[in-house]
Amino acid sequence: MSESHSPVRRVIAIEFGLRESLKSEVHMSYQLYGQPDGEQHTTYYFWLIEHEQGPILVDTGFYPEGGERRKRQMNRHPVAALETLGVDAKDIRLVIMTHLHWDHAGNLLDFPNAEFVLAKSEREFWNSDLAKNKLFSAYFDPEAGRDLDILESEGRLRYFSGVAEPVPGVRVLEVGGHSPGQSIVEIDTRDGVLLLTSDAVHFNDTLEKRMPFCSMTDLPTGFEVFDMIESRLESGTYVDVVTGHDPVVATKYPPVDAERAPFAVVLSPKEAA
C-alpha cells in the first residue's frame, strides 16, 4: 500500500513502565520447556496511531495507584508521555481498548473527549460473578470499573463483536484467549498491514516457542490465535507483528526523537533497525 492511499501516517509504541522478574513468573508452566530460568524484562506500552482523522490511542496504560499496588515501575505517566510528543489528551477522540486488564485500561477519564471501542464480551465478563475469582480479579482494577461506568453513562463506550473498523484503515479483531474479549489491531500502513497483538502475544517467545503468558482465560483459543497470527505473517498478510510487552520493541525500531522522546518508537517496517 502506498503512502498516498493510507490514512495512517505513523504508528508509535510508547513505553511507560517496567517490571523485572523471572521467566518462570510470567510464562505458564515454564518448567515444561526444559530451559533455564533467568531474568525476564517486561516493558509496558500503549500505542499511538497518527491518523488523518486525528490521533488514536490503543490502550491507556495503568493507573499509578494500580502500578504501586503491584510494585511496578511507572517511568512516565501516559498523559505526560503524549504531551512530550505534542499530543494533548483532550485531542484524543478515539481509544481502542484491547482488553480490560489493569495495565491496559487505566487513566480512562484523562481523555475527556474520546470515545472508547471495546469488545462487548470483555465488558460482560468483568461485570460477571465469574470475574470475582482471584485468578481473574487480580488482573482488573476497581478504578477501571468505576470509570467504565462513568464512560457508559456518558455514552462514550462503543461495543463491538467480531470485527470493527472504527476508522478507515484500522481494524479491531476480537480473538479471546488471554482475556475473554482480547482484541488485536490491524493497521493499514504505507508498507502493508501492521499487527498490534497487545496481550494476545506478550513476548516474541510467546509466539516463537509457544510459551503462553501465565494468565489465560481460554488456553486452547490462545494457541489458535498464535497459529492464526503466524500463518498470516508467513503468508505475507502482515508485514510486521508487534508483540505487547517485549522489551525488544523499544530497541528494534527508531525513536520518534532520540533526545526528547527516546521512550517512543516508530513502528514502520521500512525504518526498523
Protein backbone atom coordinates (compact mmCIF):
# COMPACT_ATOMS: atom_id res chain seq x y z
CA MET A 1 0.00 0.00 0.00
CA SER A 2 1.46 3.36 -0.96
CA GLU A 3 1.60 6.22 1.49
CA SER A 4 -0.90 8.24 -0.56
CA HIS A 5 -3.53 5.52 -0.10
CA SER A 6 -3.08 5.08 3.64
CA PRO A 7 -4.96 7.26 6.13
CA VAL A 8 -2.34 6.28 8.71
CA ARG A 9 0.80 8.38 8.82
CA ARG A 10 2.67 6.64 11.63
CA VAL A 11 2.15 4.09 14.40
CA ILE A 12 4.11 4.71 17.58
CA ALA A 13 4.80 2.44 20.56
CA ILE A 14 5.16 4.38 23.81
CA GLU A 15 7.00 2.76 26.72
CA PHE A 16 5.82 3.95 30.11
CA GLY A 17 6.65 1.22 32.64
CA LEU A 18 8.81 -1.74 33.53
CA ARG A 19 8.82 -4.96 35.52
CA GLU A 20 11.81 -7.11 36.41
CA SER A 21 11.03 -10.73 37.23
CA LEU A 22 11.98 -14.31 36.43
CA LYS A 23 10.90 -16.09 33.26
CA SER A 24 9.14 -18.69 35.39
CA GLU A 25 6.98 -15.95 36.89
CA VAL A 26 5.47 -14.82 33.61
CA HIS A 27 5.41 -17.89 31.32
CA MET A 28 2.83 -20.55 32.05
CA SER A 29 4.35 -23.88 33.25
CA TYR A 30 7.79 -22.64 32.28
CA GLN A 31 9.48 -25.73 33.73
CA LEU A 32 7.95 -27.89 30.97
CA TYR A 33 10.07 -26.22 28.30
CA GLY A 34 13.37 -27.53 29.67
CA GLN A 35 15.05 -24.14 29.63
CA PRO A 36 16.98 -22.49 32.46
CA ASP A 37 15.23 -19.82 34.43
CA GLY A 38 16.53 -16.28 34.20
CA GLU A 39 15.67 -12.61 34.15
CA GLN A 40 12.53 -11.52 32.33
CA HIS A 41 12.15 -7.88 31.42
CA THR A 42 8.55 -6.85 30.85
CA THR A 43 8.00 -3.49 29.20
CA TYR A 44 4.64 -1.74 29.42
CA TYR A 45 3.46 0.04 26.28
CA PHE A 46 0.50 1.79 24.83
CA TRP A 47 0.25 2.80 21.19
CA LEU A 48 -0.48 5.97 19.23
CA ILE A 49 -1.87 5.90 15.69
CA GLU A 50 -1.35 9.14 13.78
CA HIS A 51 -4.43 9.05 11.56
CA GLU A 52 -5.75 11.60 9.11
CA GLN A 53 -8.86 11.91 11.31
CA GLY A 54 -6.72 12.71 14.35
CA PRO A 55 -4.64 10.88 16.95
CA ILE A 56 -5.94 7.49 18.11
CA LEU A 57 -4.82 5.54 21.16
CA VAL A 58 -4.63 1.80 21.54
CA ASP A 59 -4.93 1.22 25.31
CA THR A 60 -4.20 3.76 28.01
CA GLY A 61 -1.60 2.30 30.36
CA PHE A 62 -2.16 1.69 34.06
CA TYR A 63 -3.36 3.88 36.89
CA PRO A 64 -0.38 4.98 39.04
CA GLU A 65 -2.12 3.50 42.09
CA GLY A 66 -2.54 0.15 40.35
CA GLY A 67 1.13 0.07 39.46
CA GLU A 68 2.15 0.91 43.01
CA ARG A 69 -0.02 -1.85 44.46
CA ARG A 70 1.71 -4.37 42.21
CA LYS A 71 5.18 -2.88 42.67
CA ARG A 72 5.51 -1.99 39.01
CA GLN A 73 7.74 0.82 37.86
CA MET A 74 5.98 3.69 36.06
CA ASN A 75 8.63 5.62 34.19
CA ARG A 76 6.23 8.28 32.94
CA HIS A 77 2.50 8.88 33.06
CA PRO A 78 0.86 8.14 29.70
CA VAL A 79 -0.64 11.62 29.52
CA ALA A 80 2.77 13.20 30.16
CA ALA A 81 4.33 10.95 27.53
CA LEU A 82 1.77 12.12 24.99
CA GLU A 83 2.42 15.74 25.89
CA THR A 84 6.13 15.24 25.18
CA LEU A 85 5.10 14.00 21.74
CA GLY A 86 2.97 17.10 21.22
CA VAL A 87 -0.36 15.36 21.73
CA ASP A 88 -2.90 16.81 24.16
CA ALA A 89 -5.11 14.22 25.89
CA LYS A 90 -8.10 16.44 25.06
CA ASP A 91 -7.40 15.95 21.35
CA ILE A 92 -7.79 12.17 21.53
CA ARG A 93 -11.19 11.35 20.00
CA LEU A 94 -10.87 7.58 19.79
CA VAL A 95 -9.38 4.98 22.15
CA ILE A 96 -9.27 1.31 21.17
CA MET A 97 -9.29 -0.90 24.25
CA THR A 98 -7.75 -4.29 23.51
CA HIS A 99 -8.90 -5.72 26.88
CA LEU A 100 -9.55 -4.59 30.44
CA HIS A 101 -6.56 -5.90 32.36
CA TRP A 102 -5.13 -3.37 34.78
CA ASP A 103 -2.03 -2.49 32.74
CA HIS A 104 -4.02 -1.63 29.61
CA ALA A 105 -7.13 0.07 30.94
CA GLY A 106 -6.09 2.86 33.27
CA ASN A 107 -6.36 6.66 33.25
CA LEU A 108 -9.63 6.44 31.35
CA LEU A 109 -11.09 9.76 32.44
CA ASP A 110 -7.92 11.60 31.39
CA PHE A 111 -9.29 11.55 27.84
CA PRO A 112 -12.45 13.64 28.23
CA ASN A 113 -13.36 13.89 24.55
CA ALA A 114 -12.67 10.32 23.50
CA GLU A 115 -14.99 7.53 22.51
CA PHE A 116 -13.83 4.08 23.65
CA VAL A 117 -14.15 0.96 21.47
CA LEU A 118 -14.31 -2.33 23.37
CA ALA A 119 -15.40 -5.91 22.71
CA LYS A 120 -18.81 -6.49 24.28
CA SER A 121 -17.74 -9.89 25.63
CA GLU A 122 -14.87 -8.26 27.55
CA ARG A 123 -17.15 -5.83 29.37
CA GLU A 124 -19.72 -8.53 30.10
CA PHE A 125 -17.10 -10.83 31.61
CA TRP A 126 -15.72 -8.23 34.00
CA ASN A 127 -19.26 -7.40 35.11
CA SER A 128 -19.96 -11.08 35.86
CA ASP A 129 -19.68 -13.00 39.12
CA LEU A 130 -17.08 -15.26 37.49
CA ALA A 131 -14.66 -12.35 37.28
CA LYS A 132 -14.65 -12.10 41.08
CA ASN A 133 -12.49 -15.23 41.34
CA LYS A 134 -8.97 -14.34 42.40
CA LEU A 135 -7.29 -15.75 39.29
CA PHE A 136 -9.25 -13.20 37.28
CA SER A 137 -9.82 -10.31 39.69
CA ALA A 138 -6.08 -9.87 40.31
CA TYR A 139 -5.82 -8.55 36.75
CA PHE A 140 -8.61 -5.99 36.97
CA ASP A 141 -8.59 -2.65 38.78
CA PRO A 142 -11.70 -1.36 40.57
CA GLU A 143 -10.80 2.12 39.33
CA ALA A 144 -11.38 0.89 35.79
CA GLY A 145 -14.79 -0.49 36.69
CA ARG A 146 -15.77 2.84 38.20
CA ASP A 147 -14.52 4.83 35.22
CA LEU A 148 -16.09 2.48 32.68
CA ASP A 149 -19.45 3.01 34.37
CA ILE A 150 -18.94 6.76 34.00
CA LEU A 151 -17.99 6.44 30.34
CA GLU A 152 -21.03 4.27 29.70
CA SER A 153 -23.33 6.78 31.41
CA GLU A 154 -21.88 9.48 29.16
CA GLY A 155 -22.47 7.38 26.03
CA ARG A 156 -18.76 7.10 25.28
CA LEU A 157 -18.43 3.31 25.22
CA ARG A 158 -18.90 1.72 21.79
CA TYR A 159 -19.17 -2.06 21.90
CA PHE A 160 -18.45 -4.47 19.07
CA SER A 161 -18.42 -8.21 18.45
CA GLY A 162 -16.14 -9.98 16.00
CA VAL A 163 -14.55 -7.25 13.90
CA ALA A 164 -14.87 -3.47 13.97
CA GLU A 165 -13.35 -0.77 11.76
CA PRO A 166 -13.80 2.40 13.82
CA VAL A 167 -11.91 4.48 11.25
CA PRO A 168 -10.67 3.64 7.74
CA GLY A 169 -7.53 1.55 7.79
CA VAL A 170 -7.80 0.42 11.41
CA ARG A 171 -9.49 -2.89 12.24
CA VAL A 172 -10.07 -4.37 15.68
CA LEU A 173 -10.44 -8.15 15.84
CA GLU A 174 -11.91 -9.88 18.89
CA VAL A 175 -9.85 -13.07 19.33
CA GLY A 176 -10.05 -14.10 23.02
CA GLY A 177 -7.55 -16.39 24.71
CA HIS A 178 -5.71 -14.21 27.18
CA SER A 179 -8.91 -12.43 28.17
CA PRO A 180 -12.48 -13.23 27.05
CA GLY A 181 -12.66 -10.26 24.70
CA GLN A 182 -8.97 -9.87 23.98
CA SER A 183 -8.57 -7.94 20.74
CA ILE A 184 -5.79 -7.33 18.27
CA VAL A 185 -5.44 -4.34 15.94
CA GLU A 186 -4.66 -4.43 12.23
CA ILE A 187 -3.40 -1.15 10.79
CA ASP A 188 -3.02 -0.35 7.10
CA THR A 189 0.32 1.48 6.84
CA ARG A 190 2.16 2.61 3.75
CA ASP A 191 4.22 -0.58 3.96
CA GLY A 192 1.34 -3.01 4.44
CA VAL A 193 -0.69 -4.34 7.35
CA LEU A 194 0.93 -3.91 10.75
CA LEU A 195 -0.45 -6.01 13.61
CA LEU A 196 -0.50 -4.86 17.22
CA THR A 197 -1.09 -8.04 19.19
CA SER A 198 -1.43 -6.41 22.60
CA ASP A 199 -1.65 -9.30 25.08
CA ALA A 200 -2.77 -11.89 22.56
CA VAL A 201 1.03 -12.32 22.29
CA HIS A 202 3.02 -10.93 25.21
CA PHE A 203 6.60 -11.60 24.08
CA ASN A 204 8.40 -12.81 20.99
CA ASP A 205 9.00 -16.13 22.77
CA THR A 206 5.26 -16.44 23.29
CA LEU A 207 4.80 -16.88 19.55
CA GLU A 208 8.12 -18.41 18.53
CA LYS A 209 8.30 -21.01 21.31
CA ARG A 210 4.57 -21.33 22.03
CA MET A 211 5.05 -20.09 25.59
CA PRO A 212 1.75 -18.55 26.73
CA PHE A 213 1.57 -15.97 29.48
CA CYS A 214 0.78 -17.18 32.98
CA SER A 215 -2.76 -15.75 32.84
CA MET A 216 -5.04 -17.20 30.15
CA THR A 217 -8.82 -17.43 30.38
CA ASP A 218 -9.04 -19.80 27.39
CA LEU A 219 -5.78 -21.62 26.69
CA PRO A 220 -6.85 -23.58 23.55
CA THR A 221 -8.15 -20.39 21.98
CA GLY A 222 -4.89 -18.67 22.86
CA PHE A 223 -2.94 -21.29 20.89
CA GLU A 224 -5.34 -20.92 17.96
CA VAL A 225 -4.61 -17.19 17.97
CA PHE A 226 -0.86 -17.92 17.86
CA ASP A 227 -1.44 -20.16 14.84
CA MET A 228 -3.57 -17.58 13.07
CA ILE A 229 -1.06 -14.79 13.56
CA GLU A 230 1.89 -16.90 12.48
CA SER A 231 0.02 -18.12 9.40
CA ARG A 232 -0.86 -14.58 8.34
CA LEU A 233 2.70 -13.45 8.90
CA GLU A 234 4.11 -16.31 6.80
CA SER A 235 1.60 -15.68 4.01
CA GLY A 236 2.51 -12.01 3.79
CA THR A 237 -0.82 -10.73 5.12
CA TYR A 238 1.13 -8.95 7.86
CA VAL A 239 4.34 -7.11 7.08
CA ASP A 240 5.15 -6.91 10.79
CA VAL A 241 3.81 -8.21 14.09
CA VAL A 242 4.42 -6.16 17.24
CA THR A 243 4.03 -8.08 20.49
CA GLY A 244 2.55 -6.50 23.58
CA HIS A 245 5.29 -6.45 26.22
CA ASP A 246 8.61 -7.47 24.67
CA PRO A 247 11.45 -5.07 25.53
CA VAL A 248 12.95 -5.61 22.05
CA VAL A 249 10.26 -3.31 20.63
CA ALA A 250 11.95 -0.34 22.30
CA THR A 251 15.29 -1.11 20.60
CA LYS A 252 14.27 -2.65 17.27
CA TYR A 253 12.56 0.47 15.95
CA PRO A 254 13.84 4.04 15.59
CA PRO A 255 12.87 6.62 18.24
CA VAL A 256 10.49 9.43 17.39
CA ASP A 257 13.05 11.83 18.86
CA ALA A 258 16.20 10.34 20.38
CA GLU A 259 16.80 13.33 22.65
CA ARG A 260 13.32 14.49 23.60
CA ALA A 261 11.31 11.26 23.47
CA PRO A 262 13.57 8.16 23.41
CA PHE A 263 10.74 6.19 25.03
CA ALA A 264 8.61 6.35 21.85
CA VAL A 265 9.49 4.40 18.71
CA VAL A 266 8.07 4.41 15.19
CA LEU A 267 6.66 1.03 14.18
CA SER A 268 7.44 1.26 10.50
CA PRO A 269 8.84 -1.94 8.95
CA LYS A 270 10.96 0.02 6.47
CA GLU A 271 12.54 2.01 9.28
CA ALA A 272 13.24 -0.92 11.61
CA ALA A 273 16.88 -1.15 12.66
